[in-house]
C-alpha atoms as a PDB file:
ATOM      1  CA  MET A   1     213.614  87.693 -66.673  1.00  0.00           C
ATOM      2  CA  SER A   2     210.371  86.049 -66.220  1.00  0.00           C
ATOM      3  CA  GLY A   3     212.121  82.784 -65.807  1.00  0.00           C
ATOM      4  CA  THR A   4     214.399  84.077 -63.169  1.00  0.00           C
ATOM      5  CA  ALA A   5     211.487  85.625 -61.396  1.00  0.00           C
ATOM      6  CA  THR A   6     209.687  82.323 -61.364  1.00  0.00           C
ATOM      7  CA  ILE A   7     212.707  80.566 -59.859  1.00  0.00           C
ATOM      8  CA  ASP A   8     213.044  83.201 -57.261  1.00  0.00           C
ATOM      9  CA  THR A   9     209.411  82.814 -56.343  1.00  0.00           C
ATOM     10  CA  LEU A  10     209.775  79.050 -56.088  1.00  0.00           C
ATOM     11  CA  MET A  11     212.854  79.327 -53.875  1.00  0.00           C
ATOM     12  CA  ALA A  12     211.273  81.945 -51.703  1.00  0.00           C
ATOM     13  CA  THR A  13     208.098  79.992 -51.109  1.00  0.00           C
ATOM     14  CA  PRO A  14     209.318  77.655 -48.170  1.00  0.00           C
ATOM     15  CA  ALA A  15     210.830  80.512 -46.182  1.00  0.00           C
ATOM     16  CA  PRO A  16     207.823  80.954 -43.778  1.00  0.00           C
ATOM     17  CA  ALA A  17     207.921  77.254 -42.830  1.00  0.00           C
ATOM     18  CA  GLN A  18     211.586  77.454 -41.839  1.00  0.00           C
ATOM     19  CA  GLU A  19     210.909  80.520 -39.703  1.00  0.00           C
ATOM     20  CA  LYS A  20     208.142  78.693 -37.869  1.00  0.00           C
ATOM     21  CA  GLY A  21     210.474  75.728 -37.109  1.00  0.00           C
ATOM     22  CA  ALA A  22     213.139  78.086 -35.833  1.00  0.00           C
ATOM     23  CA  ARG A  23     210.596  79.704 -33.520  1.00  0.00           C
ATOM     24  CA  LYS A  24     209.450  76.327 -32.046  1.00  0.00           C
ATOM     25  CA  ARG A  25     212.898  75.077 -30.958  1.00  0.00           C
ATOM     26  CA  PRO A  26     213.613  77.855 -28.393  1.00  0.00           C
ATOM     27  CA  SER A  27     210.295  77.219 -26.674  1.00  0.00           C
ATOM     28  CA  ILE A  28     211.255  73.568 -25.911  1.00  0.00           C
ATOM     29  CA  LYS A  29     214.548  74.652 -24.407  1.00  0.00           C
ATOM     30  CA  ARG A  30     212.819  77.157 -22.278  1.00  0.00           C
ATOM     31  CA  LEU A  31     210.438  74.526 -20.993  1.00  0.00           C
ATOM     32  CA  ALA A  32     213.343  72.248 -20.163  1.00  0.00           C
ATOM     33  CA  LEU A  33     215.132  75.013 -18.295  1.00  0.00           C
ATOM     34  CA  VAL A  34     212.004  75.887 -16.354  1.00  0.00           C
ATOM     35  CA  GLY A  35     211.537  72.223 -15.396  1.00  0.00           C
ATOM     36  CA  VAL A  36     215.107  71.871 -14.240  1.00  0.00           C
ATOM     37  CA  ALA A  37     214.802  75.051 -12.192  1.00  0.00           C
ATOM     38  CA  LEU A  38     211.649  73.792 -10.554  1.00  0.00           C
ATOM     39  CA  LEU A  39     213.268  70.467  -9.693  1.00  0.00           C
ATOM     40  CA  ALA A  40     216.244  72.265  -8.222  1.00  0.00           C
ATOM     41  CA  MET A  41     214.020  74.437  -6.115  1.00  0.00           C
ATOM     42  CA  VAL A  42     212.078  71.436  -4.824  1.00  0.00           C
ATOM     43  CA  GLY A  43     215.320  69.631  -4.029  1.00  0.00           C
ATOM     44  CA  TRP A  44     216.698  72.616  -2.199  1.00  0.00           C
ATOM     45  CA  ALA A  45     213.435  72.887  -0.244  1.00  0.00           C
ATOM     46  CA  PHE A  46     213.642  69.262   0.931  1.00  0.00           C
ATOM     47  CA  TYR A  47     217.290  69.618   1.810  1.00  0.00           C
ATOM     48  CA  GLY A  48     216.653  72.822   3.704  1.00  0.00           C
ATOM     49  CA  ARG A  49     213.949  71.143   5.723  1.00  0.00           C
ATOM     50  CA  TYR A  50     216.187  68.182   6.498  1.00  0.00           C
ATOM     51  CA  TRP A  51     218.985  70.484   7.529  1.00  0.00           C
ATOM     52  CA  TRP A  52     216.663  72.493   9.783  1.00  0.00           C
ATOM     53  CA  ASP A  53     215.261  69.442  11.474  1.00  0.00           C
ATOM     54  CA  THR A  54     218.268  67.108  11.601  1.00  0.00           C
ATOM     55  CA  GLY A  55     221.263  68.280   9.639  1.00  0.00           C
ATOM     56  CA  ARG A  56     222.100  71.262  11.794  1.00  0.00           C
ATOM     57  CA  PHE A  57     222.340  69.040  14.878  1.00  0.00           C
ATOM     58  CA  LEU A  58     224.826  66.660  13.284  1.00  0.00           C
ATOM     59  CA  GLU A  59     228.481  67.449  13.783  1.00  0.00           C
ATOM     60  CA  SER A  60     231.493  65.614  12.429  1.00  0.00           C
ATOM     61  CA  THR A  61     235.082  66.453  13.167  1.00  0.00           C
ATOM     62  CA  ASP A  62     238.453  64.760  13.652  1.00  0.00           C
ATOM     63  CA  ASP A  63     239.911  66.916  16.439  1.00  0.00           C
ATOM     64  CA  ALA A  64     237.245  68.889  18.297  1.00  0.00           C
ATOM     65  CA  TYR A  65     234.464  68.601  20.856  1.00  0.00           C
ATOM     66  CA  VAL A  66     230.760  69.096  20.501  1.00  0.00           C
ATOM     67  CA  GLY A  67     228.863  71.459  22.820  1.00  0.00           C
ATOM     68  CA  GLY A  68     225.158  71.781  23.259  1.00  0.00           C
ATOM     69  CA  ASP A  69     222.353  72.699  25.669  1.00  0.00           C
ATOM     70  CA  VAL A  70     221.031  69.883  27.834  1.00  0.00           C
ATOM     71  CA  THR A  71     217.799  70.237  29.821  1.00  0.00           C
ATOM     72  CA  VAL A  72     217.060  67.751  32.585  1.00  0.00           C
ATOM     73  CA  ILE A  73     213.432  66.686  32.868  1.00  0.00           C
ATOM     74  CA  ALA A  74     212.207  64.897  36.004  1.00  0.00           C
ATOM     75  CA  PRO A  75     208.660  63.835  36.885  1.00  0.00           C
ATOM     76  CA  ARG A  76     207.010  64.780  40.178  1.00  0.00           C
ATOM     77  CA  VAL A  77     206.118  61.155  40.933  1.00  0.00           C
ATOM     78  CA  SER A  78     208.104  57.993  40.399  1.00  0.00           C
ATOM     79  CA  GLY A  79     206.960  55.133  38.231  1.00  0.00           C
ATOM     80  CA  PHE A  80     207.531  53.149  35.079  1.00  0.00           C
ATOM     81  CA  VAL A  81     207.345  54.935  31.715  1.00  0.00           C
ATOM     82  CA  ALA A  82     204.389  53.603  29.772  1.00  0.00           C
ATOM     83  CA  GLU A  83     204.672  55.735  26.615  1.00  0.00           C
ATOM     84  CA  VAL A  84     206.984  58.381  25.086  1.00  0.00           C
ATOM     85  CA  LEU A  85     205.007  61.060  23.247  1.00  0.00           C
ATOM     86  CA  VAL A  86     207.874  63.031  21.561  1.00  0.00           C
ATOM     87  CA  ALA A  87     210.446  62.172  18.904  1.00  0.00           C
ATOM     88  CA  ASP A  88     214.156  62.984  18.679  1.00  0.00           C
ATOM     89  CA  ASN A  89     214.981  66.655  18.130  1.00  0.00           C
ATOM     90  CA  GLN A  90     211.318  67.634  18.280  1.00  0.00           C
ATOM     91  CA  ARG A  91     210.520  71.189  19.222  1.00  0.00           C
ATOM     92  CA  VAL A  92     208.431  71.340  22.383  1.00  0.00           C
ATOM     93  CA  ARG A  93     206.916  74.109  24.460  1.00  0.00           C
ATOM     94  CA  ALA A  94     206.071  74.533  28.114  1.00  0.00           C
ATOM     95  CA  GLY A  95     203.095  72.414  29.056  1.00  0.00           C
ATOM     96  CA  ASP A  96     203.497  69.807  26.288  1.00  0.00           C
ATOM     97  CA  LEU A  97     203.075  66.168  27.312  1.00  0.00           C
ATOM     98  CA  LEU A  98     206.372  64.315  26.932  1.00  0.00           C
ATOM     99  CA  ILE A  99     205.892  60.901  28.544  1.00  0.00           C
ATOM    100  CA  ARG A 100     203.084  58.945  30.191  1.00  0.00           C
ATOM    101  CA  ILE A 101     203.802  57.090  33.455  1.00  0.00           C
ATOM    102  CA  ASP A 102     202.108  53.813  34.350  1.00  0.00           C
ATOM    103  CA  ASP A 103     199.387  54.683  36.881  1.00  0.00           C
ATOM    104  CA  ARG A 104     198.252  51.219  37.981  1.00  0.00           C
ATOM    105  CA  ASP A 105     200.019  51.448  41.353  1.00  0.00           C
ATOM    106  CA  TYR A 106     198.506  54.858  42.013  1.00  0.00           C
ATOM    107  CA  ARG A 107     195.038  53.660  41.053  1.00  0.00           C
ATOM    108  CA  ALA A 108     195.367  50.804  43.553  1.00  0.00           C
ATOM    109  CA  ALA A 109     196.469  53.249  46.277  1.00  0.00           C
ATOM    110  CA  LEU A 110     193.525  55.518  45.425  1.00  0.00           C
ATOM    111  CA  ALA A 111     191.070  52.619  45.687  1.00  0.00           C
ATOM    112  CA  LYS A 112     192.566  51.657  49.068  1.00  0.00           C
ATOM    113  CA  ALA A 113     192.215  55.222  50.361  1.00  0.00           C
ATOM    114  CA  GLU A 114     188.613  55.419  49.146  1.00  0.00           C
ATOM    115  CA  ALA A 115     187.830  52.144  50.934  1.00  0.00           C
ATOM    116  CA  ALA A 116     189.357  53.509  54.159  1.00  0.00           C
ATOM    117  CA  VAL A 117     187.263  56.668  53.864  1.00  0.00           C
ATOM    118  CA  ALA A 118     184.116  54.594  53.314  1.00  0.00           C
ATOM    119  CA  ALA A 119     184.931  52.494  56.400  1.00  0.00           C
ATOM    120  CA  GLN A 120     185.401  55.604  58.541  1.00  0.00           C
ATOM    121  CA  GLU A 121     182.120  57.050  57.269  1.00  0.00           C
ATOM    122  CA  ALA A 122     180.361  53.793  58.179  1.00  0.00           C
ATOM    123  CA  ALA A 123     181.931  53.948  61.656  1.00  0.00           C
ATOM    124  CA  LEU A 124     180.690  57.522  62.073  1.00  0.00           C
ATOM    125  CA  LEU A 125     177.190  56.492  61.044  1.00  0.00           C
ATOM    126  CA  ASN A 126     177.330  53.642  63.571  1.00  0.00           C
ATOM    127  CA  LEU A 127     178.413  56.015  66.330  1.00  0.00           C
ATOM    128  CA  ASP A 128     175.637  58.427  65.390  1.00  0.00           C
ATOM    129  CA  ALA A 129     173.084  55.612  65.558  1.00  0.00           C
ATOM    130  CA  ASN A 130     174.431  54.550  68.972  1.00  0.00           C
ATOM    131  CA  ARG A 131     174.175  58.147  70.177  1.00  0.00           C
ATOM    132  CA  HIS A 132     170.532  58.357  69.115  1.00  0.00           C
ATOM    133  CA  LEU A 133     169.884  55.015  70.816  1.00  0.00           C
ATOM    134  CA  GLN A 134     171.495  56.192  74.057  1.00  0.00           C
ATOM    135  CA  GLU A 135     169.489  59.420  73.927  1.00  0.00           C
ATOM    136  CA  ALA A 136     166.313  57.384  73.539  1.00  0.00           C
ATOM    137  CA  VAL A 137     167.322  55.169  76.484  1.00  0.00           C
ATOM    138  CA  ILE A 138     168.085  58.248  78.618  1.00  0.00           C
ATOM    139  CA  ALA A 139     164.747  59.819  77.692  1.00  0.00           C
ATOM    140  CA  GLN A 140     162.975  56.581  78.601  1.00  0.00           C
ATOM    141  CA  GLY A 141     164.806  56.472  81.939  1.00  0.00           C
ATOM    142  CA  LYS A 142     163.823  60.064  82.687  1.00  0.00           C
ATOM    143  CA  ALA A 143     160.222  59.275  81.824  1.00  0.00           C
ATOM    144  CA  ASP A 144     160.288  56.262  84.147  1.00  0.00           C
ATOM    145  CA  LEU A 145     161.746  58.371  86.951  1.00  0.00           C
ATOM    146  CA  ALA A 146     159.122  61.053  86.404  1.00  0.00           C
ATOM    147  CA  ALA A 147     156.371  58.432  86.485  1.00  0.00           C
ATOM    148  CA  ALA A 148     157.759  56.770  89.632  1.00  0.00           C
ATOM    149  CA  ALA A 149     158.411  60.029  91.515  1.00  0.00           C
ATOM    150  CA  PRO A 150     154.813  60.600  92.879  1.00  0.00           C
ATOM    151  CA  ARG A 151     154.622  57.087  94.397  1.00  0.00           C
ATOM    152  CA  PRO A 152     157.258  57.582  97.134  1.00  0.00           C
ATOM    153  CA  ARG A 153     155.677  60.938  98.022  1.00  0.00           C
ATOM    154  CA  ALA A 154     152.260  59.303  98.524  1.00  0.00           C
ATOM    155  CA  ARG A 155     153.808  56.645 100.730  1.00  0.00           C
ATOM    156  CA  VAL A 156     155.662  59.242 102.792  1.00  0.00           C
ATOM    157  CA  SER A 157     152.446  61.232 103.272  1.00  0.00           C
ATOM    158  CA  THR A 158     150.813  58.213 104.932  1.00  0.00           C
ATOM    159  CA  THR A 159     153.713  57.487 107.263  1.00  0.00           C
ATOM    160  CA  PRO A 160     152.933  60.232 109.852  1.00  0.00           C
ATOM    161  CA  ALA A 161     149.561  58.631 110.633  1.00  0.00           C
ATOM    162  CA  ILE A 162     151.249  55.253 111.129  1.00  0.00           C
ATOM    163  CA  VAL A 163     154.073  56.680 113.197  1.00  0.00           C
ATOM    164  CA  SER A 164     151.674  58.728 115.330  1.00  0.00           C
ATOM    165  CA  SER A 165     149.798  55.575 116.306  1.00  0.00           C
ATOM    166  CA  ARG A 166     152.964  53.801 117.464  1.00  0.00           C
ATOM    167  CA  PRO A 167     154.649  54.370 120.856  1.00  0.00           C
ATOM    168  CA  THR A 168     157.830  56.400 120.552  1.00  0.00           C
ATOM    169  CA  ASN A 169     160.685  57.167 122.904  1.00  0.00           C
ATOM    170  CA  THR A 170     161.410  60.510 121.295  1.00  0.00           C
ATOM    171  CA  PRO A 171     161.667  63.321 123.857  1.00  0.00           C
ATOM    172  CA  LEU A 172     158.686  65.623 124.028  1.00  0.00           C
ATOM    173  CA  SER A 173     158.886  68.917 122.228  1.00  0.00           C
ATOM    174  CA  SER A 174     158.525  72.251 123.921  1.00  0.00           C
ATOM    175  CA  ALA A 175     154.974  72.673 122.567  1.00  0.00           C
ATOM    176  CA  SER A 176     153.762  69.442 124.124  1.00  0.00           C
ATOM    177  CA  SER A 177     155.640  69.939 127.401  1.00  0.00           C
ATOM    178  CA  ARG A 178     153.962  73.263 127.981  1.00  0.00           C
ATOM    179  CA  ARG A 179     150.582  71.604 128.136  1.00  0.00           C
ATOM    180  CA  MET A 180     151.760  69.220 130.850  1.00  0.00           C
ATOM    181  CA  PRO A 181     152.303  70.328 134.492  1.00  0.00           C
ATOM    182  CA  THR A 182     155.924  70.806 135.334  1.00  0.00           C
ATOM    183  CA  THR A 183     155.628  69.476 138.917  1.00  0.00           C
ATOM    184  CA  ARG A 184     153.109  67.299 140.607  1.00  0.00           C
ATOM    185  CA  ARG A 185     152.854  66.816 144.368  1.00  0.00           C
ATOM    186  CA  PRO A 186     153.095  63.177 145.388  1.00  0.00           C
ATOM    187  CA  GLN A 187     149.977  61.928 147.200  1.00  0.00           C
ATOM    188  CA  PRO A 188     150.218  59.568 150.143  1.00  0.00           C
ATOM    189  CA  PRO A 189     149.392  56.015 149.289  1.00  0.00           C
ATOM    190  CA  SER A 190     146.002  54.881 150.514  1.00  0.00           C
ATOM    191  CA  THR A 191     145.524  51.728 152.470  1.00  0.00           C
ATOM    192  CA  ARG A 192     142.597  50.760 150.321  1.00  0.00           C
ATOM    193  CA  PRO A 193     143.525  48.995 147.167  1.00  0.00           C
ATOM    194  CA  ARG A 194     142.467  50.978 144.154  1.00  0.00           C
ATOM    195  CA  ARG A 195     141.716  49.533 140.802  1.00  0.00           C
ATOM    196  CA  THR A 196     142.972  51.564 137.947  1.00  0.00           C
ATOM    197  CA  SER A 197     142.455  50.905 134.315  1.00  0.00           C
ATOM    198  CA  LYS A 198     145.248  51.465 131.886  1.00  0.00           C
ATOM    199  CA  GLN A 199     144.411  53.397 128.795  1.00  0.00           C
ATOM    200  CA  PRO A 200     144.851  51.287 125.668  1.00  0.00           C
ATOM    201  CA  SER A 201     148.115  52.038 123.964  1.00  0.00           C
ATOM    202  CA  ALA A 202     148.625  52.867 120.298  1.00  0.00           C
ATOM    203  CA  GLY A 203     149.859  49.347 119.530  1.00  0.00           C
ATOM    204  CA  SER A 204     146.722  47.772 121.026  1.00  0.00           C
ATOM    205  CA  ARG A 205     144.507  50.195 119.134  1.00  0.00           C
ATOM    206  CA  LEU A 206     146.350  49.411 115.895  1.00  0.00           C
ATOM    207  CA  SER A 207     145.963  45.686 116.494  1.00  0.00           C
ATOM    208  CA  THR A 208     142.272  46.237 117.319  1.00  0.00           C
ATOM    209  CA  ARG A 209     141.760  48.080 114.085  1.00  0.00           C
ATOM    210  CA  ARG A 210     143.477  45.344 112.146  1.00  0.00           C
ATOM    211  CA  SER A 211     141.593  42.476 113.821  1.00  0.00           C
ATOM    212  CA  GLY A 212     138.226  44.265 113.855  1.00  0.00           C
ATOM    213  CA  ARG A 213     137.334  43.151 117.402  1.00  0.00           C
ATOM    214  CA  PRO A 214     137.747  45.413 120.441  1.00  0.00           C
ATOM    215  CA  LYS A 215     140.139  44.261 123.131  1.00  0.00           C
ATOM    216  CA  PRO A 216     139.272  44.956 126.791  1.00  0.00           C
ATOM    217  CA  PRO A 217     141.833  47.076 128.585  1.00  0.00           C
ATOM    218  CA  ALA A 218     144.090  45.265 131.016  1.00  0.00           C
ATOM    219  CA  SER A 219     143.608  46.180 134.699  1.00  0.00           C
ATOM    220  CA  ARG A 220     145.838  45.525 137.658  1.00  0.00           C
ATOM    221  CA  PRO A 221     145.039  46.113 141.327  1.00  0.00           C
ATOM    222  CA  GLY A 222     147.270  48.364 143.248  1.00  0.00           C
ATOM    223  CA  LEU A 223     149.272  51.351 142.315  1.00  0.00           C
ATOM    224  CA  ASN A 224     149.925  52.000 138.671  1.00  0.00           C
ATOM    225  CA  VAL A 225     153.421  53.458 138.598  1.00  0.00           C
ATOM    226  CA  THR A 226     154.353  54.955 135.273  1.00  0.00           C
ATOM    227  CA  PRO A 227     158.077  55.186 134.575  1.00  0.00           C
ATOM    228  CA  PRO A 228     159.477  58.438 133.252  1.00  0.00           C
ATOM    229  CA  GLY A 229     159.379  58.726 129.462  1.00  0.00           C
ATOM    230  CA  SER A 230     156.317  56.500 129.030  1.00  0.00           C
ATOM    231  CA  THR A 231     153.410  57.706 126.899  1.00  0.00           C
ATOM    232  CA  SER A 232     150.639  55.835 128.708  1.00  0.00           C
ATOM    233  CA  ALA A 233     150.079  58.608 131.275  1.00  0.00           C
ATOM    234  CA  ILE A 234     150.068  61.349 128.657  1.00  0.00           C
ATOM    235  CA  PRO A 235     146.678  62.474 127.341  1.00  0.00           C
ATOM    236  CA  THR A 236     145.679  61.363 123.870  1.00  0.00           C
ATOM    237  CA  SER A 237     145.705  64.865 122.392  1.00  0.00           C
ATOM    238  CA  VAL A 238     149.148  65.538 123.854  1.00  0.00           C
ATOM    239  CA  ARG A 239     150.478  62.176 122.638  1.00  0.00           C
ATOM    240  CA  ARG A 240     149.198  62.773 119.108  1.00  0.00           C
ATOM    241  CA  SER A 241     150.736  66.223 118.961  1.00  0.00           C
ATOM    242  CA  THR A 242     153.950  64.808 120.381  1.00  0.00           C
ATOM    243  CA  ALA A 243     154.099  62.039 117.777  1.00  0.00           C
ATOM    244  CA  SER A 244     153.371  64.426 114.922  1.00  0.00           C
ATOM    245  CA  SER A 245     155.959  66.951 116.146  1.00  0.00           C
ATOM    246  CA  ALA A 246     158.526  64.191 116.608  1.00  0.00           C
ATOM    247  CA  THR A 247     157.867  62.951 113.096  1.00  0.00           C
ATOM    248  CA  ALA A 248     157.928  66.382 111.506  1.00  0.00           C
ATOM    249  CA  ALA A 249     160.869  67.932 113.407  1.00  0.00           C
ATOM    250  CA  PRO A 250     162.690  65.634 115.881  1.00  0.00           C
ATOM    251  CA  ALA A 251     164.262  68.426 117.968  1.00  0.00           C
ATOM    252  CA  PRO A 252     165.726  67.376 121.351  1.00  0.00           C
ATOM    253  CA  ALA A 253     163.906  68.794 124.415  1.00  0.00           C
ATOM    254  CA  PRO A 254     164.277  68.311 128.170  1.00  0.00           C
ATOM    255  CA  THR A 255     162.401  65.327 129.540  1.00  0.00           C
ATOM    256  CA  PRO A 256     159.511  66.432 131.822  1.00  0.00           C
ATOM    257  CA  ARG A 257     159.405  65.257 135.386  1.00  0.00           C
ATOM    258  CA  LEU A 258     156.442  62.999 135.902  1.00  0.00           C
ATOM    259  CA  GLY A 259     155.148  61.903 139.269  1.00  0.00           C
ATOM    260  CA  ARG A 260     153.172  58.960 140.346  1.00  0.00           C
ATOM    261  CA  ALA A 261     149.651  58.554 139.060  1.00  0.00           C
END
């Protein structure tokens, strides 16, 4: 029995090694199954993405029609398309940039408009400068007029003295005619010749003042008849007042009746 027991012990000795090998084989299969499952999941993920992006928009049929939503997009300005910023079947939202239009023509138009604005601004500045120049010229003209205004007044103030010394045919005013007698009785002519001296007139006095030498009064024998309207027979005070009144206010008055001197 000891011999049989020894054989049994020898045959039973490798049993743990076989159990370990049997335990290792199922673990490899499990790893292979897990790997295959992972690959399948990755494949399905890629396919699902392709179908969502492209596959669902593809239709194939022998006897049917395809319907879909079409949205028309139009730019606000016309021009050539310089760049397309979206791809086919790309999801977009409101406000996304789709295309870029060539803006060279619009930049040239903008530069032209800016040049026109600059030219108009320069014209306005020129007009403003001309306005200031005209205002300066007007102010200078006003200053010249203000400076020249007292000169004519001084000349006019000296004219009454000159006019009063000249003989005038202006009718006598009422103030001067009152001093003169209205009527004078004519005296009979005498048989004896009488020498009368004529009073120097204003013109002779003016010439005497200018020359500086006195001029003797002219005398004529006989009667000295003074025509009406003459100022030689009028006294000097009356003649001066008459000349000044005629210069200041030339009002018409009745001519006095003068007799013979």
